[in-house]
Amino acid sequence: MRWSGLKRDIENIFSEELNLQIYCTAYTYTNKTYSLSAPRYWITIGKELIWDFPGPFLEWKNKDQDSAVEYLDSETGTIAETLRAYLACGRNELMDFTFPKDRFGLVDILRAADRRLGKSKLLKKYGALSENSVVKKILEKRFELGKY
């Protein structure tokens, strides 16, 4: 599936009141010995950037990876794979399913924004005071938490 189709399918599950959008742009990094086409993914609520890859995740900790380029090369497909796995997962399994490729907190954001998942399930999993500030922001906007 091309990015435009994956983007459409993911955005179709978002609650409309969130005005949440996901983007991807590929950048090419080249030096004398290496060329890499790596994607940048980001999510916005309105015009506010709430999640960005590789952005803050650009820290390689694998002793076998000597550089950011190697890190990006090893992670280029994980976001799209996670998005596809999320879409393929049944609605009843979404809350408990473990997405092994999600090392960047993307699934928690998708769950919080997913119109197929109700308030009680989401608050049971994440609580009204989620430790993840992005999930908290989405849940507050979606369910108007704290406005009573």
Protein backbone atom coordinates (compact mmCIF):
# COMPACT_ATOMS: atom_id res chain seq x y z
CA MET A 1 0.00 0.00 0.00
CA ARG A 2 1.29 3.43 -0.89
CA TRP A 3 1.65 6.14 1.75
CA SER A 4 -1.41 8.06 0.50
CA GLY A 5 -3.62 5.00 1.03
CA LEU A 6 -2.12 4.22 4.43
CA LYS A 7 -2.52 7.86 5.50
CA ARG A 8 -6.16 7.86 4.40
CA ASP A 9 -6.93 4.61 6.21
CA ILE A 10 -5.27 5.74 9.45
CA GLU A 11 -6.89 9.19 9.40
CA ASN A 12 -10.30 7.56 8.79
CA ILE A 13 -10.16 5.94 12.23
CA PHE A 14 -9.36 9.21 14.04
CA SER A 15 -12.16 10.96 15.89
CA GLU A 16 -13.17 13.91 13.73
CA GLU A 17 -13.20 16.45 16.56
CA LEU A 18 -9.46 15.97 17.04
CA ASN A 19 -8.37 17.42 13.68
CA LEU A 20 -5.49 14.94 13.88
CA GLN A 21 -3.32 14.36 10.82
CA ILE A 22 -0.35 12.12 10.10
CA TYR A 23 2.35 12.96 7.57
CA CYS A 24 5.37 11.34 5.98
CA THR A 25 8.16 12.80 3.90
CA ALA A 26 11.24 10.92 2.68
CA TYR A 27 14.64 12.55 2.90
CA THR A 28 17.78 11.35 1.19
CA TYR A 29 21.03 11.41 3.12
CA THR A 30 24.17 11.02 1.05
CA ASN A 31 27.87 11.11 1.72
CA LYS A 32 30.88 9.70 -0.10
CA THR A 33 30.18 6.10 0.90
CA TYR A 34 26.53 5.95 1.94
CA SER A 35 23.14 6.89 0.58
CA LEU A 36 19.93 6.47 2.55
CA SER A 37 16.35 7.45 1.87
CA ALA A 38 14.74 7.79 5.29
CA PRO A 39 11.20 8.86 6.15
CA ARG A 40 10.18 11.50 8.62
CA TYR A 41 6.76 10.89 10.17
CA TRP A 42 4.88 13.44 12.23
CA ILE A 43 1.43 13.89 13.74
CA THR A 44 -0.37 17.16 14.35
CA ILE A 45 -3.48 18.31 16.16
CA GLY A 46 -4.53 21.28 14.12
CA LYS A 47 -1.21 23.03 13.53
CA GLU A 48 0.47 21.77 16.70
CA LEU A 49 3.17 19.13 16.26
CA ILE A 50 2.56 16.40 18.86
CA TRP A 51 4.73 13.49 17.65
CA ASP A 52 7.77 13.41 15.40
CA PHE A 53 9.97 10.58 14.14
CA PRO A 54 12.91 10.43 14.08
CA GLY A 55 13.02 13.78 15.94
CA PRO A 56 13.50 13.03 19.65
CA PHE A 57 14.02 9.33 18.95
CA LEU A 58 17.27 9.95 17.10
CA GLU A 59 19.38 8.33 19.78
CA TRP A 60 21.01 5.10 18.80
CA LYS A 61 21.80 2.74 21.63
CA ASN A 62 22.73 -0.35 19.69
CA LYS A 63 26.44 -1.07 20.09
CA ASP A 64 26.46 -2.40 16.51
CA GLN A 65 25.25 0.95 15.12
CA ASP A 66 27.93 3.59 14.98
CA SER A 67 25.92 6.45 13.57
CA ALA A 68 22.54 8.06 13.17
CA VAL A 69 22.51 6.97 9.54
CA GLU A 70 22.76 3.31 10.56
CA TYR A 71 20.03 3.86 13.14
CA LEU A 72 17.70 5.43 10.58
CA ASP A 73 18.48 2.67 8.11
CA SER A 74 17.49 0.05 10.68
CA GLU A 75 14.26 1.84 11.65
CA THR A 76 12.93 3.11 8.30
CA GLY A 77 10.17 0.53 7.94
CA THR A 78 9.02 0.19 11.54
CA ILE A 79 6.54 3.07 11.58
CA ALA A 80 4.72 2.00 8.42
CA GLU A 81 4.74 -1.62 9.65
CA THR A 82 3.23 -0.51 12.95
CA LEU A 83 0.53 1.51 11.18
CA ARG A 84 -0.37 -1.46 8.97
CA ALA A 85 -0.43 -3.83 11.95
CA TYR A 86 -2.70 -1.44 13.84
CA LEU A 87 -5.15 -1.30 10.95
CA ALA A 88 -5.10 -5.09 10.58
CA CYS A 89 -5.80 -5.70 14.27
CA GLY A 90 -9.43 -6.37 15.18
CA ARG A 91 -11.21 -3.67 17.18
CA ASN A 92 -11.80 -6.02 20.09
CA GLU A 93 -8.09 -6.87 20.31
CA LEU A 94 -6.68 -3.34 19.96
CA MET A 95 -6.49 -2.53 23.66
CA ASP A 96 -4.57 -5.65 24.66
CA PHE A 97 -2.58 -6.49 21.54
CA THR A 98 1.17 -5.97 21.79
CA PHE A 99 2.71 -4.33 18.75
CA PRO A 100 6.34 -5.52 18.87
CA LYS A 101 7.67 -2.93 16.40
CA ASP A 102 6.21 0.03 18.33
CA ARG A 103 9.23 1.41 20.14
CA PHE A 104 8.15 5.02 19.77
CA GLY A 105 4.74 5.26 21.52
CA LEU A 106 2.80 5.46 18.27
CA VAL A 107 0.21 2.81 19.16
CA ASP A 108 -0.82 4.66 22.33
CA ILE A 109 -1.48 7.75 20.22
CA LEU A 110 -3.47 5.74 17.66
CA ARG A 111 -5.57 4.12 20.40
CA ALA A 112 -6.31 7.46 22.08
CA ALA A 113 -7.45 8.93 18.74
CA ASP A 114 -9.31 5.86 17.41
CA ARG A 115 -13.03 6.64 17.13
CA ARG A 116 -13.80 2.90 17.34
CA LEU A 117 -12.58 2.84 20.96
CA GLY A 118 -14.80 4.34 23.62
CA LYS A 119 -14.11 6.54 26.60
CA SER A 120 -14.46 3.81 29.23
CA LYS A 121 -11.97 1.46 27.54
CA LEU A 122 -9.44 4.22 26.96
CA LEU A 123 -9.68 5.67 30.45
CA LYS A 124 -9.43 2.19 31.95
CA LYS A 125 -6.18 1.60 30.03
CA TYR A 126 -4.61 5.07 30.27
CA GLY A 127 -6.45 6.76 33.13
CA ALA A 128 -7.62 10.34 33.15
CA LEU A 129 -4.08 11.42 34.00
CA SER A 130 -1.99 9.54 31.49
CA GLU A 131 1.78 9.81 31.96
CA ASN A 132 2.17 10.17 28.19
CA SER A 133 1.59 13.88 27.57
CA VAL A 134 0.53 13.32 23.94
CA VAL A 135 -2.02 10.66 24.90
CA LYS A 136 -3.25 12.91 27.71
CA LYS A 137 -3.68 15.82 25.27
CA ILE A 138 -5.64 13.65 22.83
CA LEU A 139 -7.89 12.18 25.53
CA GLU A 140 -8.54 15.63 27.02
CA LYS A 141 -9.47 17.06 23.65
CA ARG A 142 -11.53 14.04 22.63
CA PHE A 143 -13.50 13.62 25.84
CA GLU A 144 -13.24 17.16 27.23
CA LEU A 145 -11.68 15.85 30.43
CA GLY A 146 -11.19 18.37 33.19
CA LYS A 147 -13.93 20.70 31.93
CA TYR A 148 -16.48 19.70 34.58
